[in-house]
Amino acid sequence: MSDIIAEYVVNQFLETIGRPTRTTPALPNTSIPLSVVCKADWIVRSMAKAYENQRTFPIDIQHMAEALGSNETGTKEAREKALKERFPVEKDVELVCEPTLLLDQTWVIMAWHLPGVLSEEFQRDRVGNLEFVFPDISRSITSSRSWRTQEDLFTESWIRGTIELSPAWYQQGQVAPA
């Protein structure tokens, strides 16, 4: 079902921004529940607004990623200082509060900022489904310098902590043994 919904979202998005892949309108598959179609359409409208509201930043994300390397921990202040000098990023005083597509100077998409795309009700439901793990994940917050568990990054969060669910988490970015 998720592949059918994804195909509908992609076709609807391309049609909305004026780049349709078909000569006929992107109609939803009849097997997709109406409530899901409505939510998908809401996401598509938000994405289309973001696509029309692009902001370009004076950085090259590809070169920055290559300079970071695959085993960066974010805990070495001297390394961070050197990277900030090599890749200076201007502080942008303007807050991004509406759907926005964030691009680097080579037009690579860095992020889709889609505020409000997940309803308050949806977020409350998901948090409610996870309440049983709150005590366990709150123990993950430490005073370490790792950005994943740094205490001051959880100041305005319902869920305070982290949990690693990816089975390949520790293999990501690692060189495979010969």
N, C-alpha and C. Protein backbone atom coordinates (compact mmCIF):
# COMPACT_ATOMS: atom_id res chain seq x y z
N MET A 1 0.82 -1.20 0.00
CA MET A 1 0.00 0.00 0.00
C MET A 1 0.87 1.26 0.00
N SER A 2 1.98 1.23 0.76
CA SER A 2 2.80 2.44 0.86
C SER A 2 3.40 2.83 -0.49
N ASP A 3 3.71 1.84 -1.34
CA ASP A 3 4.25 2.18 -2.66
C ASP A 3 3.19 2.82 -3.55
N ILE A 4 1.95 2.41 -3.39
CA ILE A 4 0.85 3.01 -4.17
C ILE A 4 0.63 4.46 -3.72
N ILE A 5 0.67 4.68 -2.40
CA ILE A 5 0.50 6.04 -1.86
C ILE A 5 1.67 6.92 -2.30
N ALA A 6 2.88 6.38 -2.23
CA ALA A 6 4.07 7.15 -2.63
C ALA A 6 4.00 7.55 -4.10
N GLU A 7 3.57 6.63 -4.95
CA GLU A 7 3.43 6.94 -6.38
C GLU A 7 2.41 8.06 -6.59
N TYR A 8 1.30 7.99 -5.86
CA TYR A 8 0.28 9.03 -5.96
C TYR A 8 0.85 10.38 -5.53
N VAL A 9 1.57 10.40 -4.41
CA VAL A 9 2.15 11.66 -3.89
C VAL A 9 3.12 12.25 -4.90
N VAL A 10 4.00 11.42 -5.45
CA VAL A 10 4.98 11.92 -6.43
C VAL A 10 4.27 12.50 -7.65
N ASN A 11 3.31 11.76 -8.21
CA ASN A 11 2.60 12.23 -9.40
C ASN A 11 1.80 13.50 -9.11
N GLN A 12 1.16 13.54 -7.95
CA GLN A 12 0.37 14.72 -7.57
C GLN A 12 1.29 15.94 -7.38
N PHE A 13 2.45 15.72 -6.75
CA PHE A 13 3.41 16.81 -6.54
C PHE A 13 3.89 17.36 -7.88
N LEU A 14 4.33 16.47 -8.77
CA LEU A 14 4.82 16.92 -10.08
C LEU A 14 3.73 17.66 -10.86
N GLU A 15 2.51 17.20 -10.75
CA GLU A 15 1.40 17.88 -11.42
C GLU A 15 1.17 19.26 -10.80
N THR A 16 1.25 19.35 -9.48
CA THR A 16 1.01 20.61 -8.78
C THR A 16 2.04 21.67 -9.12
N ILE A 17 3.31 21.26 -9.31
CA ILE A 17 4.36 22.24 -9.64
C ILE A 17 4.49 22.45 -11.14
N GLY A 18 3.59 21.85 -11.90
CA GLY A 18 3.58 22.10 -13.34
C GLY A 18 4.51 21.21 -14.15
N ARG A 19 4.86 20.05 -13.63
CA ARG A 19 5.73 19.12 -14.35
C ARG A 19 5.10 17.72 -14.36
N PRO A 20 3.89 17.60 -14.90
CA PRO A 20 3.19 16.30 -14.86
C PRO A 20 3.93 15.23 -15.66
N THR A 21 3.82 13.99 -15.19
CA THR A 21 4.44 12.87 -15.90
C THR A 21 3.44 12.17 -16.80
N ARG A 22 2.16 12.57 -16.68
CA ARG A 22 1.10 11.95 -17.47
C ARG A 22 0.26 13.04 -18.13
N THR A 23 -0.44 12.65 -19.17
CA THR A 23 -1.32 13.61 -19.83
C THR A 23 -2.64 13.75 -19.08
N THR A 24 -2.99 12.76 -18.26
CA THR A 24 -4.22 12.82 -17.47
C THR A 24 -3.88 13.20 -16.03
N PRO A 25 -4.82 13.78 -15.30
CA PRO A 25 -4.55 14.17 -13.92
C PRO A 25 -4.19 12.98 -13.04
N ALA A 26 -3.39 13.24 -12.02
CA ALA A 26 -2.99 12.20 -11.06
C ALA A 26 -4.15 11.91 -10.12
N LEU A 27 -4.88 10.87 -10.42
CA LEU A 27 -6.02 10.48 -9.58
C LEU A 27 -5.55 9.40 -8.61
N PRO A 28 -6.09 9.41 -7.39
CA PRO A 28 -5.67 8.39 -6.44
C PRO A 28 -6.21 7.01 -6.80
N ASN A 29 -5.43 6.01 -6.49
CA ASN A 29 -5.85 4.63 -6.65
C ASN A 29 -7.04 4.40 -5.72
N THR A 30 -8.05 3.68 -6.18
CA THR A 30 -9.26 3.48 -5.38
C THR A 30 -9.01 2.63 -4.14
N SER A 31 -7.87 1.95 -4.06
CA SER A 31 -7.57 1.16 -2.86
C SER A 31 -7.02 2.02 -1.71
N ILE A 32 -6.67 3.27 -2.00
CA ILE A 32 -6.18 4.17 -0.96
C ILE A 32 -7.37 4.74 -0.20
N PRO A 33 -7.41 4.58 1.13
CA PRO A 33 -8.52 5.14 1.91
C PRO A 33 -8.61 6.66 1.72
N LEU A 34 -9.83 7.17 1.72
CA LEU A 34 -10.07 8.59 1.49
C LEU A 34 -9.31 9.46 2.51
N SER A 35 -9.26 9.05 3.77
CA SER A 35 -8.56 9.84 4.79
C SER A 35 -7.07 9.94 4.45
N VAL A 36 -6.50 8.89 3.89
CA VAL A 36 -5.09 8.90 3.51
C VAL A 36 -4.88 9.81 2.30
N VAL A 37 -5.80 9.78 1.36
CA VAL A 37 -5.71 10.67 0.19
C VAL A 37 -5.73 12.12 0.64
N CYS A 38 -6.61 12.45 1.59
CA CYS A 38 -6.68 13.83 2.10
C CYS A 38 -5.37 14.24 2.76
N LYS A 39 -4.79 13.35 3.56
CA LYS A 39 -3.51 13.65 4.20
C LYS A 39 -2.39 13.77 3.17
N ALA A 40 -2.39 12.90 2.18
CA ALA A 40 -1.38 12.96 1.12
C ALA A 40 -1.48 14.27 0.35
N ASP A 41 -2.71 14.69 0.07
CA ASP A 41 -2.91 15.96 -0.64
C ASP A 41 -2.41 17.14 0.19
N TRP A 42 -2.61 17.07 1.51
CA TRP A 42 -2.12 18.12 2.41
C TRP A 42 -0.59 18.19 2.35
N ILE A 43 0.06 17.03 2.37
CA ILE A 43 1.53 16.98 2.29
C ILE A 43 2.00 17.53 0.95
N VAL A 44 1.32 17.16 -0.13
CA VAL A 44 1.69 17.63 -1.47
C VAL A 44 1.57 19.15 -1.55
N ARG A 45 0.50 19.72 -1.01
CA ARG A 45 0.34 21.19 -1.04
C ARG A 45 1.47 21.86 -0.26
N SER A 46 1.84 21.29 0.86
CA SER A 46 2.93 21.87 1.66
C SER A 46 4.26 21.77 0.91
N MET A 47 4.49 20.63 0.27
CA MET A 47 5.72 20.46 -0.52
C MET A 47 5.75 21.43 -1.70
N ALA A 48 4.61 21.64 -2.34
CA ALA A 48 4.56 22.57 -3.47
C ALA A 48 4.85 24.00 -3.02
N LYS A 49 4.32 24.38 -1.85
CA LYS A 49 4.63 25.71 -1.29
C LYS A 49 6.12 25.84 -1.03
N ALA A 50 6.71 24.79 -0.46
CA ALA A 50 8.15 24.82 -0.18
C ALA A 50 8.95 24.92 -1.48
N TYR A 51 8.52 24.20 -2.50
CA TYR A 51 9.20 24.22 -3.79
C TYR A 51 9.17 25.62 -4.40
N GLU A 52 8.07 26.33 -4.19
CA GLU A 52 7.95 27.70 -4.69
C GLU A 52 8.70 28.70 -3.82
N ASN A 53 9.05 28.32 -2.61
CA ASN A 53 9.73 29.20 -1.67
C ASN A 53 11.12 28.63 -1.37
N GLN A 54 12.02 28.75 -2.34
CA GLN A 54 13.36 28.19 -2.18
C GLN A 54 14.31 29.22 -1.60
N ARG A 55 15.20 28.75 -0.71
CA ARG A 55 16.25 29.61 -0.16
C ARG A 55 17.58 28.94 -0.39
N THR A 56 18.50 29.69 -0.96
CA THR A 56 19.82 29.16 -1.26
C THR A 56 20.83 29.70 -0.25
N PHE A 57 21.68 28.80 0.26
CA PHE A 57 22.70 29.18 1.23
C PHE A 57 24.07 29.09 0.57
N PRO A 58 24.98 30.00 0.93
CA PRO A 58 26.30 30.06 0.28
C PRO A 58 27.26 28.99 0.80
N ILE A 59 26.86 27.73 0.70
CA ILE A 59 27.75 26.63 1.06
C ILE A 59 27.64 25.54 0.01
N ASP A 60 28.64 24.68 -0.06
CA ASP A 60 28.62 23.54 -0.97
C ASP A 60 28.55 22.30 -0.09
N ILE A 61 27.37 21.73 0.03
CA ILE A 61 27.12 20.63 0.95
C ILE A 61 27.92 19.39 0.59
N GLN A 62 28.17 19.16 -0.71
CA GLN A 62 28.94 17.99 -1.14
C GLN A 62 30.38 18.09 -0.63
N HIS A 63 31.00 19.26 -0.83
CA HIS A 63 32.38 19.43 -0.34
C HIS A 63 32.43 19.36 1.19
N MET A 64 31.41 19.89 1.83
CA MET A 64 31.35 19.84 3.28
C MET A 64 31.24 18.39 3.76
N ALA A 65 30.40 17.60 3.11
CA ALA A 65 30.25 16.19 3.48
C ALA A 65 31.54 15.42 3.27
N GLU A 66 32.24 15.69 2.16
CA GLU A 66 33.51 15.02 1.91
C GLU A 66 34.55 15.38 2.96
N ALA A 67 34.56 16.65 3.38
CA ALA A 67 35.51 17.08 4.41
C ALA A 67 35.20 16.48 5.77
N LEU A 68 33.93 16.22 6.03
CA LEU A 68 33.55 15.64 7.32
C LEU A 68 34.07 14.23 7.50
N GLY A 69 34.09 13.45 6.45
CA GLY A 69 34.53 12.07 6.59
C GLY A 69 33.41 11.21 7.14
N SER A 70 33.66 9.91 7.20
CA SER A 70 32.60 8.97 7.57
C SER A 70 32.53 8.68 9.06
N ASN A 71 33.52 9.05 9.84
CA ASN A 71 33.52 8.69 11.25
C ASN A 71 33.51 9.89 12.18
N GLU A 72 32.94 11.01 11.75
CA GLU A 72 32.90 12.19 12.60
C GLU A 72 31.98 11.98 13.78
N THR A 73 32.41 12.42 14.95
CA THR A 73 31.59 12.26 16.15
C THR A 73 31.00 13.57 16.62
N GLY A 74 31.56 14.69 16.16
CA GLY A 74 31.06 15.99 16.61
C GLY A 74 31.49 16.33 18.02
N THR A 75 32.56 15.69 18.49
CA THR A 75 32.98 15.91 19.87
C THR A 75 34.36 16.57 19.99
N LYS A 76 35.01 16.86 18.87
CA LYS A 76 36.35 17.46 18.92
C LYS A 76 36.25 18.93 18.56
N GLU A 77 36.45 19.79 19.56
CA GLU A 77 36.27 21.23 19.36
C GLU A 77 37.24 21.79 18.33
N ALA A 78 38.50 21.34 18.34
CA ALA A 78 39.49 21.85 17.38
C ALA A 78 39.07 21.48 15.95
N ARG A 79 38.57 20.27 15.77
CA ARG A 79 38.12 19.83 14.44
C ARG A 79 36.92 20.65 13.99
N GLU A 80 35.97 20.90 14.89
CA GLU A 80 34.81 21.72 14.55
C GLU A 80 35.22 23.13 14.18
N LYS A 81 36.16 23.70 14.92
CA LYS A 81 36.63 25.05 14.63
C LYS A 81 37.26 25.12 13.25
N ALA A 82 38.09 24.13 12.91
CA ALA A 82 38.73 24.09 11.60
C ALA A 82 37.70 23.98 10.48
N LEU A 83 36.68 23.15 10.70
CA LEU A 83 35.63 23.00 9.68
C LEU A 83 34.82 24.29 9.53
N LYS A 84 34.55 24.99 10.64
CA LYS A 84 33.80 26.26 10.57
C LYS A 84 34.60 27.32 9.82
N GLU A 85 35.93 27.30 9.97
CA GLU A 85 36.76 28.25 9.24
C GLU A 85 36.80 27.90 7.76
N ARG A 86 36.86 26.61 7.44
CA ARG A 86 36.92 26.18 6.04
C ARG A 86 35.58 26.37 5.33
N PHE A 87 34.48 26.19 6.08
CA PHE A 87 33.13 26.32 5.52
C PHE A 87 32.34 27.32 6.36
N PRO A 88 32.63 28.60 6.20
CA PRO A 88 31.90 29.59 7.00
C PRO A 88 30.43 29.66 6.56
N VAL A 89 29.57 29.68 7.53
CA VAL A 89 28.13 29.79 7.27
C VAL A 89 27.66 31.06 7.96
N GLU A 90 27.08 31.94 7.15
CA GLU A 90 26.57 33.18 7.71
C GLU A 90 25.38 32.88 8.60
N LYS A 91 25.33 33.57 9.72
CA LYS A 91 24.16 33.44 10.60
C LYS A 91 23.00 34.15 9.91
N ASP A 92 21.93 33.41 9.70
CA ASP A 92 20.75 33.97 9.05
C ASP A 92 19.79 34.41 10.15
N VAL A 93 19.56 35.71 10.24
CA VAL A 93 18.70 36.22 11.30
C VAL A 93 17.22 36.00 11.00
N GLU A 94 16.89 35.76 9.75
CA GLU A 94 15.50 35.53 9.38
C GLU A 94 15.10 34.10 9.69
N LEU A 95 14.08 33.95 10.49
CA LEU A 95 13.58 32.65 10.89
C LEU A 95 12.72 32.07 9.77
N VAL A 96 12.91 30.81 9.47
CA VAL A 96 12.11 30.15 8.44
C VAL A 96 10.89 29.55 9.12
N CYS A 97 9.71 30.12 8.84
CA CYS A 97 8.48 29.70 9.51
C CYS A 97 7.44 29.14 8.55
N GLU A 98 7.70 29.16 7.28
CA GLU A 98 6.74 28.66 6.30
C GLU A 98 7.41 27.56 5.49
N PRO A 99 6.63 26.76 4.75
CA PRO A 99 7.26 25.70 3.96
C PRO A 99 8.34 26.27 3.05
N THR A 100 9.53 25.68 3.13
CA THR A 100 10.69 26.20 2.41
C THR A 100 11.58 25.05 1.97
N LEU A 101 12.12 25.18 0.78
CA LEU A 101 13.10 24.24 0.26
C LEU A 101 14.47 24.87 0.47
N LEU A 102 15.33 24.24 1.27
CA LEU A 102 16.65 24.78 1.58
C LEU A 102 17.69 24.15 0.66
N LEU A 103 18.38 24.99 -0.11
CA LEU A 103 19.34 24.52 -1.10
C LEU A 103 20.73 25.06 -0.80
N ASP A 104 21.75 24.33 -1.28
CA ASP A 104 23.10 24.88 -1.18
C ASP A 104 23.38 25.67 -2.46
N GLN A 105 24.58 26.23 -2.58
CA GLN A 105 24.89 27.09 -3.73
C GLN A 105 24.93 26.34 -5.06
N THR A 106 25.00 25.01 -5.03
CA THR A 106 24.99 24.23 -6.27
C THR A 106 23.61 23.63 -6.55
N TRP A 107 22.60 24.10 -5.84
CA TRP A 107 21.21 23.70 -6.00
C TRP A 107 20.92 22.29 -5.49
N VAL A 108 21.76 21.79 -4.60
CA VAL A 108 21.50 20.50 -3.96
C VAL A 108 20.53 20.74 -2.80
N ILE A 109 19.51 19.91 -2.71
CA ILE A 109 18.54 20.05 -1.62
C ILE A 109 19.18 19.60 -0.32
N MET A 110 19.20 20.51 0.66
CA MET A 110 19.72 20.17 1.98
C MET A 110 18.58 19.72 2.89
N ALA A 111 17.42 20.35 2.77
CA ALA A 111 16.28 19.99 3.62
C ALA A 111 14.99 20.56 3.06
N TRP A 112 13.92 19.86 3.34
CA TRP A 112 12.57 20.36 3.09
C TRP A 112 12.04 20.79 4.45
N HIS A 113 11.77 22.05 4.63
CA HIS A 113 11.20 22.54 5.88
C HIS A 113 9.69 22.60 5.68
N LEU A 114 8.95 21.71 6.36
CA LEU A 114 7.52 21.57 6.14
C LEU A 114 6.77 21.68 7.47
N PRO A 115 6.76 22.88 8.06
CA PRO A 115 6.05 23.02 9.34
C PRO A 115 4.56 22.78 9.17
N GLY A 116 3.98 22.09 10.13
CA GLY A 116 2.55 21.85 10.12
C GLY A 116 2.11 20.71 9.23
N VAL A 117 3.05 20.04 8.55
CA VAL A 117 2.64 18.97 7.64
C VAL A 117 2.10 17.77 8.42
N LEU A 118 2.58 17.58 9.64
CA LEU A 118 2.03 16.54 10.51
C LEU A 118 1.13 17.23 11.53
N SER A 119 -0.13 16.90 11.52
CA SER A 119 -1.09 17.57 12.40
C SER A 119 -0.75 17.33 13.87
N GLU A 120 -1.23 18.23 14.72
CA GLU A 120 -1.04 18.08 16.17
C GLU A 120 -1.63 16.74 16.63
N GLU A 121 -2.78 16.39 16.08
CA GLU A 121 -3.43 15.13 16.45
C GLU A 121 -2.53 13.93 16.10
N PHE A 122 -1.97 13.95 14.90
CA PHE A 122 -1.07 12.87 14.46
C PHE A 122 0.13 12.77 15.40
N GLN A 123 0.73 13.92 15.73
CA GLN A 123 1.89 13.92 16.61
C GLN A 123 1.52 13.41 18.01
N ARG A 124 0.38 13.84 18.54
CA ARG A 124 -0.06 13.37 19.86
C ARG A 124 -0.28 11.86 19.85
N ASP A 125 -0.89 11.36 18.78
CA ASP A 125 -1.12 9.91 18.68
C ASP A 125 0.20 9.15 18.69
N ARG A 126 1.18 9.63 17.94
CA ARG A 126 2.48 8.94 17.88
C ARG A 126 3.18 9.00 19.23
N VAL A 127 3.14 10.14 19.88
CA VAL A 127 3.75 10.27 21.20
C VAL A 127 3.04 9.34 22.18
N GLY A 128 1.71 9.28 22.11
CA GLY A 128 0.95 8.39 22.98
C GLY A 128 1.33 6.93 22.78
N ASN A 129 1.63 6.56 21.53
CA ASN A 129 2.03 5.18 21.24
C ASN A 129 3.42 4.86 21.78
N LEU A 130 4.21 5.89 22.06
CA LEU A 130 5.59 5.67 22.52
C LEU A 130 5.80 5.93 24.01
N GLU A 131 4.74 6.31 24.73
CA GLU A 131 4.90 6.70 26.13
C GLU A 131 5.57 5.63 26.98
N PHE A 132 5.36 4.37 26.64
CA PHE A 132 5.94 3.30 27.44
C PHE A 132 7.47 3.26 27.37
N VAL A 133 8.08 3.88 26.33
CA VAL A 133 9.54 3.88 26.24
C VAL A 133 10.18 5.15 26.81
N PHE A 134 9.37 6.15 27.22
CA PHE A 134 9.92 7.41 27.72
C PHE A 134 10.94 7.21 28.84
N PRO A 135 10.65 6.40 29.86
CA PRO A 135 11.64 6.26 30.94
C PRO A 135 12.98 5.71 30.43
N ASP A 136 12.94 4.77 29.50
CA ASP A 136 14.17 4.19 28.98
C ASP A 136 14.97 5.17 28.13
N ILE A 137 14.29 5.90 27.24
CA ILE A 137 15.04 6.80 26.36
C ILE A 137 15.52 8.04 27.09
N SER A 138 14.86 8.43 28.17
CA SER A 138 15.33 9.61 28.91
C SER A 138 16.68 9.34 29.56
N ARG A 139 17.00 8.06 29.81
CA ARG A 139 18.32 7.72 30.37
C ARG A 139 19.43 7.89 29.34
N SER A 140 19.07 8.04 28.07
CA SER A 140 20.10 8.20 27.04
C SER A 140 20.70 9.60 27.04
N ILE A 141 20.02 10.56 27.66
CA ILE A 141 20.54 11.93 27.70
C ILE A 141 21.72 11.97 28.67
N THR A 142 22.82 12.51 28.16
CA THR A 142 24.03 12.57 28.98
C THR A 142 24.63 13.96 28.88
N SER A 143 25.65 14.19 29.63
CA SER A 143 26.36 15.47 29.54
C SER A 143 27.51 15.37 28.55
N SER A 144 27.56 14.28 27.77
CA SER A 144 28.63 14.11 26.79
C SER A 144 28.50 15.16 25.69
N ARG A 145 29.52 15.26 24.87
CA ARG A 145 29.52 16.24 23.79
C ARG A 145 28.94 15.66 22.50
N SER A 146 28.41 14.45 22.52
CA SER A 146 27.80 13.87 21.33
C SER A 146 26.50 14.60 21.04
N TRP A 147 26.31 15.05 19.82
CA TRP A 147 25.10 15.79 19.46
C TRP A 147 23.86 14.92 19.58
N ARG A 148 24.02 13.59 19.53
CA ARG A 148 22.85 12.72 19.61
C ARG A 148 22.23 12.69 21.00
N THR A 149 23.04 12.92 22.03
CA THR A 149 22.53 12.79 23.40
C THR A 149 22.81 14.02 24.25
N GLN A 150 23.17 15.11 23.62
CA GLN A 150 23.52 16.33 24.36
C GLN A 150 22.28 16.92 25.01
N GLU A 151 22.32 17.09 26.32
CA GLU A 151 21.16 17.47 27.10
C GLU A 151 20.49 18.77 26.63
N ASP A 152 21.28 19.78 26.29
CA ASP A 152 20.68 21.07 25.93
C ASP A 152 19.94 21.05 24.59
N LEU A 153 20.03 19.97 23.83
CA LEU A 153 19.29 19.86 22.57
C LEU A 153 17.87 19.33 22.77
N PHE A 154 17.52 18.97 24.00
CA PHE A 154 16.20 18.41 24.28
C PHE A 154 15.35 19.34 25.12
N THR A 155 15.57 20.64 25.03
CA THR A 155 14.90 21.57 25.92
C THR A 155 13.41 21.71 25.66
N GLU A 156 12.97 21.68 24.42
CA GLU A 156 11.56 21.90 24.12
C GLU A 156 10.94 20.68 23.46
N SER A 157 11.29 19.53 23.94
CA SER A 157 10.86 18.30 23.32
C SER A 157 9.92 17.52 24.22
N TRP A 158 8.87 16.93 23.63
CA TRP A 158 7.98 16.06 24.41
C TRP A 158 8.74 14.82 24.83
N ILE A 159 9.48 14.27 23.88
CA ILE A 159 10.25 13.06 24.14
C ILE A 159 11.70 13.49 24.36
N ARG A 160 12.19 13.26 25.55
CA ARG A 160 13.54 13.69 25.89
C ARG A 160 14.46 12.47 25.88
N GLY A 161 15.18 12.28 24.76
CA GLY A 161 16.12 11.18 24.67
C GLY A 161 16.21 10.66 23.25
N THR A 162 17.02 9.64 23.10
CA THR A 162 17.20 9.05 21.78
C THR A 162 17.11 7.54 21.88
N ILE A 163 16.78 6.95 20.77
CA ILE A 163 16.76 5.49 20.68
C ILE A 163 17.22 5.13 19.27
N GLU A 164 18.07 4.12 19.18
CA GLU A 164 18.60 3.71 17.88
C GLU A 164 17.83 2.49 17.42
N LEU A 165 17.12 2.63 16.31
CA LEU A 165 16.30 1.55 15.80
C LEU A 165 16.85 0.93 14.53
N SER A 166 17.85 1.53 13.93
CA SER A 166 18.37 1.05 12.66
C SER A 166 19.32 -0.12 12.90
N PRO A 167 19.04 -1.28 12.30
CA PRO A 167 19.93 -2.42 12.50
C PRO A 167 21.32 -2.21 11.88
N ALA A 168 21.42 -1.26 10.94
CA ALA A 168 22.71 -1.01 10.29
C ALA A 168 23.35 0.29 10.77
N TRP A 169 22.87 0.81 11.90
CA TRP A 169 23.35 2.09 12.40
C TRP A 169 24.87 2.14 12.49
N TYR A 170 25.47 1.13 13.08
CA TYR A 170 26.91 1.15 13.32
C TYR A 170 27.72 0.82 12.07
N GLN A 171 27.06 0.30 11.05
CA GLN A 171 27.77 0.00 9.81
C GLN A 171 27.78 1.19 8.86
N GLN A 172 26.92 2.17 9.08
CA GLN A 172 26.84 3.30 8.18
C GLN A 172 28.16 4.07 8.17
N GLY A 173 28.65 4.33 6.98
CA GLY A 173 29.85 5.15 6.84
C GLY A 173 31.13 4.45 7.22
N GLN A 174 31.09 3.15 7.48
CA GLN A 174 32.28 2.42 7.86
C GLN A 174 32.86 1.72 6.64
N VAL A 175 34.16 1.57 6.62
CA VAL A 175 34.82 0.85 5.55
C VAL A 175 34.63 -0.64 5.83
N ALA A 176 34.18 -1.39 4.83
CA ALA A 176 33.95 -2.82 5.00
C ALA A 176 35.28 -3.57 5.08
N PRO A 177 35.34 -4.59 5.93
CA PRO A 177 36.59 -5.36 6.03
C PRO A 177 36.88 -6.10 4.73
N ALA A 178 38.16 -6.26 4.43
CA ALA A 178 38.56 -6.91 3.17
C ALA A 178 38.44 -8.41 3.26
